[in-house]
């Protein structure tokens, strides 16, 4: 039952309370009794991980977005809380990396006049980021996606996109890359997503 699932806020508190490497298991709270399915823990690091694939930024990026974690009010319905790590290829957390996220609104439109569903932040000392937002809508031939830019201090810029599992349009979108699919789970008051970025520094 939905009432037995942990809330996004409770899982986020657990996530932020853990150091970076044990945080690979932080979202197992989504497997509490009544949860429909759990988020799969991040695989253990081997000697060297492949870097996250890059993708086009598209035509709707805007510089100078506000610094924030929350794109929607606390009481907004249908929320997605996205969490993850920024890591080096040797699985060390990247501190103070820029994480810039933007996406279409639920109707598939981008705010090109203001900064709705746009924002940036910097990873914490354990390489973590998080954002509270909504599922983006569909437009044109594109499947559902978030846009992301990651840049370590003094390092190269990664521009990429993140995708939702199980979307009907994934197979028809020529940009879709299964390596960029988020892990998703339902929680008591919305959805929880996870994606870890691996970047050169």
N, C-alpha and C. Protein backbone atom coordinates (compact mmCIF):
# COMPACT_ATOMS: atom_id res chain seq x y z
N UNK A 1 0.83 -1.20 0.00
CA UNK A 1 0.00 0.00 0.00
C UNK A 1 0.86 1.25 0.00
N UNK A 2 0.36 2.31 -0.61
CA UNK A 2 1.14 3.53 -0.73
C UNK A 2 1.54 4.08 0.64
N UNK A 3 0.65 3.91 1.65
CA UNK A 3 0.95 4.47 2.96
C UNK A 3 2.13 3.83 3.64
N UNK A 4 2.55 2.64 3.19
CA UNK A 4 3.69 1.96 3.80
C UNK A 4 5.01 2.32 3.15
N UNK A 5 4.97 3.04 2.04
CA UNK A 5 6.21 3.40 1.38
C UNK A 5 6.88 4.57 2.09
N UNK A 6 8.23 4.59 2.14
CA UNK A 6 8.90 5.76 2.69
C UNK A 6 8.67 6.97 1.80
N UNK A 7 8.71 8.15 2.37
CA UNK A 7 8.53 9.37 1.59
C UNK A 7 9.84 9.77 0.93
N UNK A 8 9.73 10.62 -0.08
CA UNK A 8 10.94 11.15 -0.71
C UNK A 8 11.79 11.89 0.30
N UNK A 9 11.15 12.65 1.18
CA UNK A 9 11.90 13.43 2.16
C UNK A 9 12.70 12.52 3.10
N UNK A 10 12.08 11.40 3.54
CA UNK A 10 12.77 10.48 4.44
C UNK A 10 13.97 9.84 3.76
N UNK A 11 13.80 9.43 2.50
CA UNK A 11 14.90 8.79 1.79
C UNK A 11 16.00 9.81 1.50
N UNK A 12 15.61 11.05 1.15
CA UNK A 12 16.61 12.08 0.90
C UNK A 12 17.42 12.37 2.16
N UNK A 13 16.77 12.40 3.32
CA UNK A 13 17.50 12.63 4.57
C UNK A 13 18.53 11.52 4.79
N UNK A 14 18.15 10.27 4.53
CA UNK A 14 19.10 9.17 4.67
C UNK A 14 20.27 9.33 3.70
N UNK A 15 19.93 9.70 2.48
CA UNK A 15 20.95 9.88 1.43
C UNK A 15 21.97 10.93 1.85
N UNK A 16 21.51 12.07 2.34
CA UNK A 16 22.40 13.16 2.70
C UNK A 16 23.17 12.88 3.97
N UNK A 17 22.73 11.92 4.77
CA UNK A 17 23.42 11.60 6.02
C UNK A 17 24.56 10.62 5.82
N UNK A 18 24.68 10.02 4.63
CA UNK A 18 25.67 8.99 4.40
C UNK A 18 26.88 9.53 3.65
N UNK A 19 28.09 8.99 3.92
CA UNK A 19 29.25 9.34 3.10
C UNK A 19 29.11 8.76 1.70
N UNK A 20 29.98 9.19 0.80
CA UNK A 20 29.78 8.92 -0.63
C UNK A 20 29.73 7.44 -0.97
N UNK A 21 30.68 6.62 -0.52
CA UNK A 21 30.70 5.24 -0.97
C UNK A 21 29.55 4.42 -0.39
N UNK A 22 29.27 4.49 0.92
CA UNK A 22 28.07 3.80 1.39
C UNK A 22 26.79 4.35 0.79
N UNK A 23 26.83 5.55 0.24
CA UNK A 23 25.62 6.12 -0.35
C UNK A 23 25.13 5.30 -1.53
N UNK A 24 25.98 4.41 -2.05
CA UNK A 24 25.51 3.52 -3.12
C UNK A 24 24.33 2.69 -2.67
N UNK A 25 24.19 2.50 -1.36
CA UNK A 25 23.09 1.71 -0.84
C UNK A 25 22.01 2.56 -0.19
N UNK A 26 22.17 3.87 -0.23
CA UNK A 26 21.31 4.75 0.56
C UNK A 26 19.85 4.63 0.18
N UNK A 27 19.56 4.37 -1.07
CA UNK A 27 18.18 4.39 -1.51
C UNK A 27 17.50 3.04 -1.35
N UNK A 28 18.15 2.09 -0.66
CA UNK A 28 17.49 0.82 -0.43
C UNK A 28 16.28 0.97 0.47
N UNK A 29 16.11 2.17 1.06
CA UNK A 29 14.89 2.42 1.83
C UNK A 29 13.65 2.28 0.95
N UNK A 30 13.84 2.42 -0.35
CA UNK A 30 12.70 2.26 -1.25
C UNK A 30 12.19 0.83 -1.30
N UNK A 31 12.93 -0.11 -0.68
CA UNK A 31 12.48 -1.49 -0.64
C UNK A 31 11.77 -1.83 0.66
N UNK A 32 11.44 -0.83 1.45
CA UNK A 32 10.72 -1.07 2.69
C UNK A 32 9.40 -1.76 2.40
N UNK A 33 8.80 -2.45 3.40
CA UNK A 33 7.54 -3.14 3.16
C UNK A 33 6.52 -2.24 2.47
N UNK A 34 5.94 -2.77 1.39
CA UNK A 34 4.93 -2.01 0.66
C UNK A 34 5.48 -1.29 -0.55
N UNK A 35 6.81 -1.12 -0.65
CA UNK A 35 7.37 -0.47 -1.83
C UNK A 35 7.23 -1.40 -3.02
N UNK A 36 6.94 -0.84 -4.21
CA UNK A 36 6.72 -1.69 -5.37
C UNK A 36 8.02 -2.29 -5.88
N UNK A 37 9.08 -1.54 -5.85
CA UNK A 37 10.37 -2.08 -6.25
C UNK A 37 11.46 -1.18 -5.73
N UNK A 38 12.67 -1.69 -5.64
CA UNK A 38 13.75 -0.92 -5.06
C UNK A 38 14.65 -0.35 -6.14
N UNK A 39 15.37 0.68 -5.77
CA UNK A 39 16.41 1.19 -6.65
C UNK A 39 17.60 0.26 -6.57
N UNK A 40 18.16 -0.07 -7.72
CA UNK A 40 19.32 -0.95 -7.75
C UNK A 40 20.53 -0.18 -7.27
N UNK A 41 21.31 -0.71 -6.29
CA UNK A 41 22.50 0.00 -5.85
C UNK A 41 23.49 0.19 -6.99
N UNK A 42 24.24 1.26 -6.91
CA UNK A 42 25.30 1.49 -7.89
C UNK A 42 26.28 0.33 -7.87
N UNK A 43 26.68 -0.21 -9.03
CA UNK A 43 27.63 -1.32 -9.02
C UNK A 43 28.94 -0.93 -8.35
N UNK A 44 29.61 -1.91 -7.76
CA UNK A 44 30.91 -1.65 -7.15
C UNK A 44 31.89 -1.19 -8.22
N UNK A 45 32.77 -0.27 -7.84
CA UNK A 45 33.74 0.25 -8.79
C UNK A 45 34.84 -0.77 -9.04
N UNK A 46 35.26 -0.87 -10.29
CA UNK A 46 36.45 -1.64 -10.58
C UNK A 46 37.61 -0.66 -10.73
N UNK A 47 38.69 -1.09 -11.39
CA UNK A 47 39.87 -0.23 -11.46
C UNK A 47 39.59 1.07 -12.19
N UNK A 48 38.74 1.03 -13.20
CA UNK A 48 38.47 2.26 -13.95
C UNK A 48 37.10 2.16 -14.59
N UNK A 49 36.25 3.14 -14.31
CA UNK A 49 34.91 3.19 -14.89
C UNK A 49 34.92 4.03 -16.16
N UNK A 50 34.05 3.69 -17.11
CA UNK A 50 33.89 4.51 -18.30
C UNK A 50 33.23 5.84 -17.92
N UNK A 51 33.63 6.89 -18.59
CA UNK A 51 33.00 8.19 -18.33
C UNK A 51 31.59 8.21 -18.92
N UNK A 52 30.76 9.06 -18.36
CA UNK A 52 29.38 9.19 -18.81
C UNK A 52 29.34 9.73 -20.25
N UNK A 53 28.55 9.13 -21.13
CA UNK A 53 28.49 9.61 -22.52
C UNK A 53 27.96 11.04 -22.59
N UNK A 54 28.51 11.79 -23.53
CA UNK A 54 28.02 13.15 -23.76
C UNK A 54 26.90 13.13 -24.79
N UNK A 55 26.06 14.17 -24.73
CA UNK A 55 25.01 14.37 -25.72
C UNK A 55 24.85 15.86 -25.97
N UNK A 56 24.13 16.19 -27.02
CA UNK A 56 23.92 17.59 -27.37
C UNK A 56 23.15 18.32 -26.27
N UNK A 57 23.43 19.62 -26.11
CA UNK A 57 22.68 20.41 -25.13
C UNK A 57 21.31 20.82 -25.65
N UNK A 58 21.09 20.72 -26.97
CA UNK A 58 19.82 21.15 -27.54
C UNK A 58 19.75 22.67 -27.62
N UNK A 59 18.64 23.19 -28.11
CA UNK A 59 18.53 24.63 -28.36
C UNK A 59 18.01 25.45 -27.18
N UNK A 60 17.76 24.82 -26.02
CA UNK A 60 17.02 25.53 -24.97
C UNK A 60 17.84 25.80 -23.71
N UNK A 61 19.16 25.62 -23.76
CA UNK A 61 19.96 25.94 -22.57
C UNK A 61 20.04 27.45 -22.38
N UNK A 62 20.00 27.89 -21.10
CA UNK A 62 20.18 29.30 -20.75
C UNK A 62 21.25 29.39 -19.67
N UNK A 63 22.24 30.26 -19.85
CA UNK A 63 23.24 30.46 -18.79
C UNK A 63 22.64 31.25 -17.63
N UNK A 64 23.39 31.30 -16.54
CA UNK A 64 23.03 32.13 -15.37
C UNK A 64 21.74 31.68 -14.70
N UNK A 65 21.49 30.38 -14.68
CA UNK A 65 20.32 29.88 -13.95
C UNK A 65 20.53 30.08 -12.45
N UNK A 66 19.46 30.14 -11.67
CA UNK A 66 19.61 30.31 -10.22
C UNK A 66 20.22 29.07 -9.57
N UNK A 67 20.94 29.28 -8.47
CA UNK A 67 21.49 28.16 -7.72
C UNK A 67 20.39 27.64 -6.78
N UNK A 68 19.97 26.41 -6.99
CA UNK A 68 18.90 25.84 -6.18
C UNK A 68 18.82 24.33 -6.39
N UNK A 69 18.24 23.66 -5.40
CA UNK A 69 17.96 22.23 -5.48
C UNK A 69 16.50 21.97 -5.81
N UNK A 70 15.63 22.93 -5.56
CA UNK A 70 14.20 22.71 -5.62
C UNK A 70 13.60 23.52 -6.77
N UNK A 71 13.08 22.82 -7.76
CA UNK A 71 12.44 23.46 -8.91
C UNK A 71 10.94 23.65 -8.69
N UNK A 72 10.38 22.95 -7.71
CA UNK A 72 8.94 23.01 -7.44
C UNK A 72 8.72 23.14 -5.94
N UNK A 73 7.57 23.66 -5.52
CA UNK A 73 7.28 23.75 -4.08
C UNK A 73 7.20 22.38 -3.43
N UNK A 74 7.40 22.37 -2.12
CA UNK A 74 7.38 21.12 -1.35
C UNK A 74 6.08 20.34 -1.53
N UNK A 75 4.96 21.06 -1.71
CA UNK A 75 3.66 20.39 -1.76
C UNK A 75 3.18 20.12 -3.18
N UNK A 76 4.02 20.33 -4.18
CA UNK A 76 3.62 20.06 -5.57
C UNK A 76 3.39 18.56 -5.76
N UNK A 77 2.38 18.21 -6.53
CA UNK A 77 2.09 16.81 -6.79
C UNK A 77 2.99 16.23 -7.87
N UNK A 78 3.13 14.90 -7.88
CA UNK A 78 3.86 14.21 -8.93
C UNK A 78 5.34 14.51 -8.98
N UNK A 79 5.95 14.71 -7.83
CA UNK A 79 7.35 15.13 -7.80
C UNK A 79 8.31 13.97 -8.11
N UNK A 80 9.45 14.34 -8.68
CA UNK A 80 10.59 13.45 -8.86
C UNK A 80 11.75 14.05 -8.09
N UNK A 81 12.34 13.27 -7.19
CA UNK A 81 13.58 13.68 -6.53
C UNK A 81 14.70 12.88 -7.15
N UNK A 82 15.62 13.56 -7.81
CA UNK A 82 16.75 12.93 -8.47
C UNK A 82 17.99 13.13 -7.61
N UNK A 83 18.70 12.04 -7.31
CA UNK A 83 19.91 12.10 -6.51
C UNK A 83 21.02 11.34 -7.23
N UNK A 84 22.25 11.60 -6.83
CA UNK A 84 23.36 10.85 -7.41
C UNK A 84 24.69 11.41 -6.97
N UNK A 85 25.73 10.84 -7.55
CA UNK A 85 27.11 11.21 -7.26
C UNK A 85 27.78 11.67 -8.54
N UNK A 86 28.79 12.52 -8.39
CA UNK A 86 29.73 12.82 -9.46
C UNK A 86 31.05 12.21 -9.05
N UNK A 87 31.57 11.30 -9.88
CA UNK A 87 32.74 10.50 -9.54
C UNK A 87 33.81 10.62 -10.61
N UNK A 88 35.06 10.37 -10.23
CA UNK A 88 36.14 10.23 -11.19
C UNK A 88 36.08 8.83 -11.79
N UNK A 89 36.83 8.56 -12.88
CA UNK A 89 36.86 7.21 -13.42
C UNK A 89 37.37 6.16 -12.44
N UNK A 90 38.06 6.60 -11.39
CA UNK A 90 38.51 5.66 -10.35
C UNK A 90 37.61 5.70 -9.13
N UNK A 91 36.40 6.21 -9.35
CA UNK A 91 35.33 6.16 -8.35
C UNK A 91 35.59 7.00 -7.11
N UNK A 92 36.34 8.06 -7.27
CA UNK A 92 36.51 9.01 -6.17
C UNK A 92 35.49 10.13 -6.33
N UNK A 93 34.87 10.58 -5.24
CA UNK A 93 33.89 11.65 -5.35
C UNK A 93 34.51 12.95 -5.81
N UNK A 94 33.80 13.70 -6.62
CA UNK A 94 34.26 15.00 -7.12
C UNK A 94 33.53 16.08 -6.33
N UNK A 95 34.28 16.80 -5.53
CA UNK A 95 33.72 17.86 -4.68
C UNK A 95 33.58 19.15 -5.47
N UNK A 96 32.51 19.88 -5.21
CA UNK A 96 32.31 21.22 -5.76
C UNK A 96 32.23 21.24 -7.28
N UNK A 97 31.74 20.15 -7.87
CA UNK A 97 31.51 20.13 -9.31
C UNK A 97 30.19 20.86 -9.62
N UNK A 98 30.18 21.63 -10.68
CA UNK A 98 28.96 22.29 -11.15
C UNK A 98 28.00 21.24 -11.71
N UNK A 99 26.74 21.30 -11.30
CA UNK A 99 25.68 20.45 -11.85
C UNK A 99 24.56 21.39 -12.29
N UNK A 100 24.38 21.53 -13.59
CA UNK A 100 23.38 22.44 -14.17
C UNK A 100 22.30 21.58 -14.83
N UNK A 101 21.06 21.74 -14.40
CA UNK A 101 19.96 20.89 -14.88
C UNK A 101 18.84 21.78 -15.44
N UNK A 102 18.28 21.38 -16.56
CA UNK A 102 17.11 22.07 -17.11
C UNK A 102 16.27 21.07 -17.90
N UNK A 103 14.98 21.37 -18.01
CA UNK A 103 14.10 20.45 -18.74
C UNK A 103 12.78 21.13 -19.07
N UNK A 104 12.02 20.46 -19.93
CA UNK A 104 10.69 20.96 -20.31
C UNK A 104 9.72 20.83 -19.14
N UNK A 105 8.67 21.64 -19.18
CA UNK A 105 7.63 21.52 -18.15
C UNK A 105 6.73 20.32 -18.47
N UNK A 106 5.75 20.00 -17.62
CA UNK A 106 4.92 18.82 -17.87
C UNK A 106 4.14 18.86 -19.18
N UNK A 107 4.00 20.04 -19.79
CA UNK A 107 3.34 20.15 -21.09
C UNK A 107 4.32 20.08 -22.26
N UNK A 108 5.61 19.87 -21.97
CA UNK A 108 6.60 19.75 -23.03
C UNK A 108 7.16 21.06 -23.52
N UNK A 109 6.99 22.15 -22.75
CA UNK A 109 7.49 23.47 -23.15
C UNK A 109 8.64 23.89 -22.24
N UNK A 110 9.62 24.57 -22.81
CA UNK A 110 10.74 25.14 -22.05
C UNK A 110 10.44 26.60 -21.73
N UNK A 111 10.84 27.03 -20.55
CA UNK A 111 10.72 28.44 -20.17
C UNK A 111 11.93 29.18 -20.71
N UNK A 112 11.76 29.85 -21.84
CA UNK A 112 12.87 30.59 -22.45
C UNK A 112 12.91 32.05 -22.03
N UNK A 113 11.93 32.49 -21.26
CA UNK A 113 11.92 33.87 -20.76
C UNK A 113 12.44 33.94 -19.33
N UNK A 114 12.11 32.96 -18.52
CA UNK A 114 12.56 32.92 -17.14
C UNK A 114 13.39 31.67 -16.88
N UNK A 115 13.30 31.17 -15.64
CA UNK A 115 14.15 30.04 -15.25
C UNK A 115 13.34 28.93 -14.59
N UNK A 116 12.09 28.77 -15.02
CA UNK A 116 11.29 27.67 -14.49
C UNK A 116 11.87 26.34 -14.97
N UNK A 117 12.01 25.40 -14.07
CA UNK A 117 12.61 24.10 -14.34
C UNK A 117 14.05 24.24 -14.85
N UNK A 118 14.75 25.18 -14.25
CA UNK A 118 16.17 25.39 -14.53
C UNK A 118 16.87 25.73 -13.22
N UNK A 119 18.08 25.23 -13.06
CA UNK A 119 18.84 25.58 -11.87
C UNK A 119 20.20 24.89 -11.87
N UNK A 120 21.09 25.41 -11.04
CA UNK A 120 22.39 24.76 -10.89
C UNK A 120 22.72 24.63 -9.41
N UNK A 121 23.71 23.80 -9.13
CA UNK A 121 24.19 23.56 -7.78
C UNK A 121 25.62 23.05 -7.87
N UNK A 122 26.24 22.84 -6.72
CA UNK A 122 27.58 22.28 -6.66
C UNK A 122 27.57 21.05 -5.76
N UNK A 123 28.30 20.03 -6.15
CA UNK A 123 28.33 18.81 -5.35
C UNK A 123 28.92 19.08 -3.97
N UNK A 124 28.47 18.30 -3.00
CA UNK A 124 28.94 18.47 -1.62
C UNK A 124 30.30 17.77 -1.45
N UNK A 125 30.88 17.78 -0.25
CA UNK A 125 32.20 17.16 -0.07
C UNK A 125 32.26 15.68 -0.40
N UNK A 126 31.11 15.01 -0.45
CA UNK A 126 31.08 13.59 -0.82
C UNK A 126 30.66 13.38 -2.27
N UNK A 127 30.61 14.45 -3.06
CA UNK A 127 30.30 14.33 -4.48
C UNK A 127 28.83 14.17 -4.80
N UNK A 128 27.95 14.48 -3.84
CA UNK A 128 26.52 14.26 -4.05
C UNK A 128 25.82 15.49 -4.62
N UNK A 129 24.77 15.23 -5.39
CA UNK A 129 23.85 16.28 -5.84
C UNK A 129 22.42 15.76 -5.63
N UNK A 130 21.46 16.68 -5.60
CA UNK A 130 20.06 16.27 -5.60
C UNK A 130 19.21 17.42 -6.11
N UNK A 131 18.08 17.08 -6.71
CA UNK A 131 17.14 18.09 -7.19
C UNK A 131 15.72 17.55 -7.05
N UNK A 132 14.81 18.45 -6.67
CA UNK A 132 13.39 18.09 -6.59
C UNK A 132 12.66 18.80 -7.72
N UNK A 133 11.99 18.03 -8.57
CA UNK A 133 11.36 18.61 -9.75
C UNK A 133 10.15 17.76 -10.16
N UNK A 134 9.76 17.82 -11.42
CA UNK A 134 8.65 17.04 -11.96
C UNK A 134 9.13 16.25 -13.18
N UNK A 135 8.31 15.33 -13.63
CA UNK A 135 8.60 14.66 -14.90
C UNK A 135 8.40 15.66 -16.04
N UNK A 136 9.35 15.74 -16.96
CA UNK A 136 9.16 16.62 -18.11
C UNK A 136 8.13 16.03 -19.07
N UNK A 137 7.46 16.90 -19.81
CA UNK A 137 6.50 16.45 -20.80
C UNK A 137 7.18 16.07 -22.11
N UNK A 138 6.39 15.52 -23.01
CA UNK A 138 6.88 15.12 -24.33
C UNK A 138 6.69 16.26 -25.33
N UNK A 139 7.59 16.34 -26.30
CA UNK A 139 7.44 17.31 -27.38
C UNK A 139 8.12 16.77 -28.62
N UNK A 140 7.60 17.13 -29.78
CA UNK A 140 8.19 16.69 -31.04
C UNK A 140 8.37 15.18 -31.06
N UNK A 141 9.54 14.75 -31.50
CA UNK A 141 9.85 13.32 -31.56
C UNK A 141 10.67 12.84 -30.36
N UNK A 142 10.88 13.74 -29.39
CA UNK A 142 11.74 13.40 -28.26
C UNK A 142 11.01 12.56 -27.21
N UNK A 143 11.77 11.66 -26.60
CA UNK A 143 11.28 10.96 -25.43
C UNK A 143 11.50 11.84 -24.21
N UNK A 144 11.01 11.41 -23.06
CA UNK A 144 11.11 12.21 -21.84
C UNK A 144 12.57 12.26 -21.39
N UNK A 145 13.06 13.46 -21.01
CA UNK A 145 14.48 13.57 -20.67
C UNK A 145 14.76 14.82 -19.85
N UNK A 146 15.87 14.77 -19.11
CA UNK A 146 16.45 15.93 -18.44
C UNK A 146 17.76 16.27 -19.15
N UNK A 147 18.09 17.56 -19.20
CA UNK A 147 19.39 18.02 -19.69
C UNK A 147 20.30 18.30 -18.50
N UNK A 148 21.57 17.96 -18.62
CA UNK A 148 22.51 18.16 -17.52
C UNK A 148 23.87 18.58 -18.08
N UNK A 149 24.50 19.53 -17.38
CA UNK A 149 25.91 19.86 -17.60
C UNK A 149 26.64 19.63 -16.28
N UNK A 150 27.79 18.95 -16.36
CA UNK A 150 28.63 18.68 -15.19
C UNK A 150 30.02 19.23 -15.48
N UNK A 151 30.57 20.00 -14.55
CA UNK A 151 31.93 20.49 -14.74
C UNK A 151 32.67 20.51 -13.40
N UNK A 152 33.69 19.64 -13.25
CA UNK A 152 34.54 19.73 -12.07
C UNK A 152 35.33 21.03 -12.07
N UNK A 153 35.77 21.45 -10.91
CA UNK A 153 36.60 22.66 -10.82
C UNK A 153 37.84 22.49 -11.69
N UNK A 154 38.03 23.38 -12.65
CA UNK A 154 39.19 23.33 -13.51
C UNK A 154 39.20 22.18 -14.49
N UNK A 155 38.10 21.43 -14.59
CA UNK A 155 38.05 20.26 -15.45
C UNK A 155 37.19 20.48 -16.68
N UNK A 156 37.12 19.48 -17.55
CA UNK A 156 36.33 19.60 -18.77
C UNK A 156 34.83 19.57 -18.48
N UNK A 157 34.07 20.15 -19.38
CA UNK A 157 32.61 20.21 -19.26
C UNK A 157 31.98 18.98 -19.91
N UNK A 158 31.09 18.32 -19.20
CA UNK A 158 30.27 17.25 -19.75
C UNK A 158 28.86 17.78 -19.96
N UNK A 159 28.36 17.66 -21.17
CA UNK A 159 26.97 17.98 -21.48
C UNK A 159 26.27 16.69 -21.88
N UNK A 160 25.14 16.39 -21.26
CA UNK A 160 24.48 15.12 -21.54
C UNK A 160 22.99 15.22 -21.25
N UNK A 161 22.29 14.10 -21.37
CA UNK A 161 20.86 14.03 -21.07
C UNK A 161 20.58 12.75 -20.29
N UNK A 162 19.54 12.77 -19.48
CA UNK A 162 19.13 11.60 -18.71
C UNK A 162 17.73 11.17 -19.14
N UNK A 163 17.51 9.86 -19.16
CA UNK A 163 16.27 9.30 -19.67
C UNK A 163 15.55 8.45 -18.63
N UNK A 164 14.25 8.29 -18.82
CA UNK A 164 13.42 7.49 -17.93
C UNK A 164 13.30 6.07 -18.47
N UNK A 165 13.31 5.07 -17.60
CA UNK A 165 13.12 3.69 -18.07
C UNK A 165 11.68 3.45 -18.50
N UNK A 166 11.52 2.56 -19.47
CA UNK A 166 10.19 2.10 -19.84
C UNK A 166 9.34 3.07 -20.64
N UNK A 167 9.93 4.15 -21.12
CA UNK A 167 9.16 5.12 -21.91
C UNK A 167 8.91 4.58 -23.32
N UNK A 168 7.68 4.74 -23.80
CA UNK A 168 7.30 4.22 -25.11
C UNK A 168 8.15 4.81 -26.23
N UNK A 169 8.58 6.06 -26.07
CA UNK A 169 9.32 6.72 -27.14
C UNK A 169 10.83 6.45 -27.10
N UNK A 170 11.30 5.75 -26.10
CA UNK A 170 12.75 5.53 -26.01
C UNK A 170 13.31 4.87 -27.27
N UNK A 171 12.58 3.91 -27.80
CA UNK A 171 13.08 3.18 -28.97
C UNK A 171 13.03 3.97 -30.26
N UNK A 172 12.28 5.08 -30.28
CA UNK A 172 12.13 5.87 -31.51
C UNK A 172 12.96 7.15 -31.51
N UNK A 173 13.48 7.54 -30.35
CA UNK A 173 14.26 8.77 -30.24
C UNK A 173 15.71 8.48 -30.61
N UNK A 174 16.19 9.10 -31.66
CA UNK A 174 17.53 8.78 -32.15
C UNK A 174 18.63 9.19 -31.18
N UNK A 175 18.33 10.08 -30.24
CA UNK A 175 19.33 10.48 -29.25
C UNK A 175 19.36 9.55 -28.04
N UNK A 176 18.34 8.75 -27.85
CA UNK A 176 18.26 7.92 -26.66
C UNK A 176 19.46 6.99 -26.53
N UNK A 177 20.02 6.92 -25.32
CA UNK A 177 21.16 6.05 -25.03
C UNK A 177 20.85 5.30 -23.75
N UNK A 178 20.79 3.96 -23.79
CA UNK A 178 20.46 3.21 -22.58
C UNK A 178 21.46 3.41 -21.45
N UNK A 179 22.68 3.86 -21.78
CA UNK A 179 23.67 4.13 -20.73
C UNK A 179 23.30 5.35 -19.90
N UNK A 180 22.32 6.12 -20.36
CA UNK A 180 21.92 7.35 -19.67
C UNK A 180 20.53 7.23 -19.03
N UNK A 181 20.07 6.01 -18.83
CA UNK A 181 18.77 5.79 -18.20
C UNK A 181 18.91 5.84 -16.68
N UNK A 182 18.07 6.62 -16.05
CA UNK A 182 18.04 6.71 -14.59
C UNK A 182 17.42 5.45 -14.01
N UNK A 183 17.78 5.13 -12.78
CA UNK A 183 17.09 4.11 -12.01
C UNK A 183 15.98 4.81 -11.24
N UNK A 184 14.75 4.30 -11.34
CA UNK A 184 13.60 4.96 -10.74
C UNK A 184 12.88 4.02 -9.79
N UNK A 185 12.27 4.59 -8.75
CA UNK A 185 11.42 3.83 -7.84
C UNK A 185 10.30 4.72 -7.35
N UNK A 186 9.15 4.13 -7.10
CA UNK A 186 8.04 4.86 -6.50
C UNK A 186 8.23 4.91 -4.99
N UNK A 187 7.97 6.07 -4.41
CA UNK A 187 7.95 6.22 -2.96
C UNK A 187 6.59 6.77 -2.58
N UNK A 188 6.36 6.98 -1.30
CA UNK A 188 5.02 7.28 -0.84
C UNK A 188 4.40 8.51 -1.43
N UNK A 189 5.21 9.50 -1.82
CA UNK A 189 4.65 10.76 -2.29
C UNK A 189 5.24 11.21 -3.62
N UNK A 190 5.68 10.27 -4.43
CA UNK A 190 6.23 10.64 -5.73
C UNK A 190 7.17 9.58 -6.25
N UNK A 191 8.21 10.04 -6.94
CA UNK A 191 9.21 9.13 -7.51
C UNK A 191 10.59 9.55 -7.04
N UNK A 192 11.47 8.56 -6.98
CA UNK A 192 12.85 8.78 -6.61
C UNK A 192 13.72 8.25 -7.73
N UNK A 193 14.67 9.06 -8.22
CA UNK A 193 15.55 8.65 -9.29
C UNK A 193 17.00 8.70 -8.85
N UNK A 194 17.84 7.93 -9.53
CA UNK A 194 19.26 7.89 -9.20
C UNK A 194 20.07 7.84 -10.49
N UNK A 195 21.10 8.69 -10.57
CA UNK A 195 22.07 8.57 -11.64
C UNK A 195 23.40 9.11 -11.15
N UNK A 196 24.47 8.33 -11.34
CA UNK A 196 25.82 8.73 -10.98
C UNK A 196 26.59 9.08 -12.24
N UNK A 197 27.21 10.25 -12.26
CA UNK A 197 28.01 10.70 -13.39
C UNK A 197 29.48 10.35 -13.14
N UNK A 198 30.16 9.89 -14.17
CA UNK A 198 31.60 9.64 -14.10
C UNK A 198 32.26 10.59 -15.08
N UNK A 199 33.15 11.44 -14.57
CA UNK A 199 33.73 12.52 -15.38
C UNK A 199 35.25 12.53 -15.26
N UNK A 200 35.89 13.00 -16.30
CA UNK A 200 37.33 13.26 -16.24
C UNK A 200 37.58 14.51 -15.41
N UNK A 201 38.69 14.53 -14.70
CA UNK A 201 39.04 15.70 -13.89
C UNK A 201 40.45 16.15 -14.24
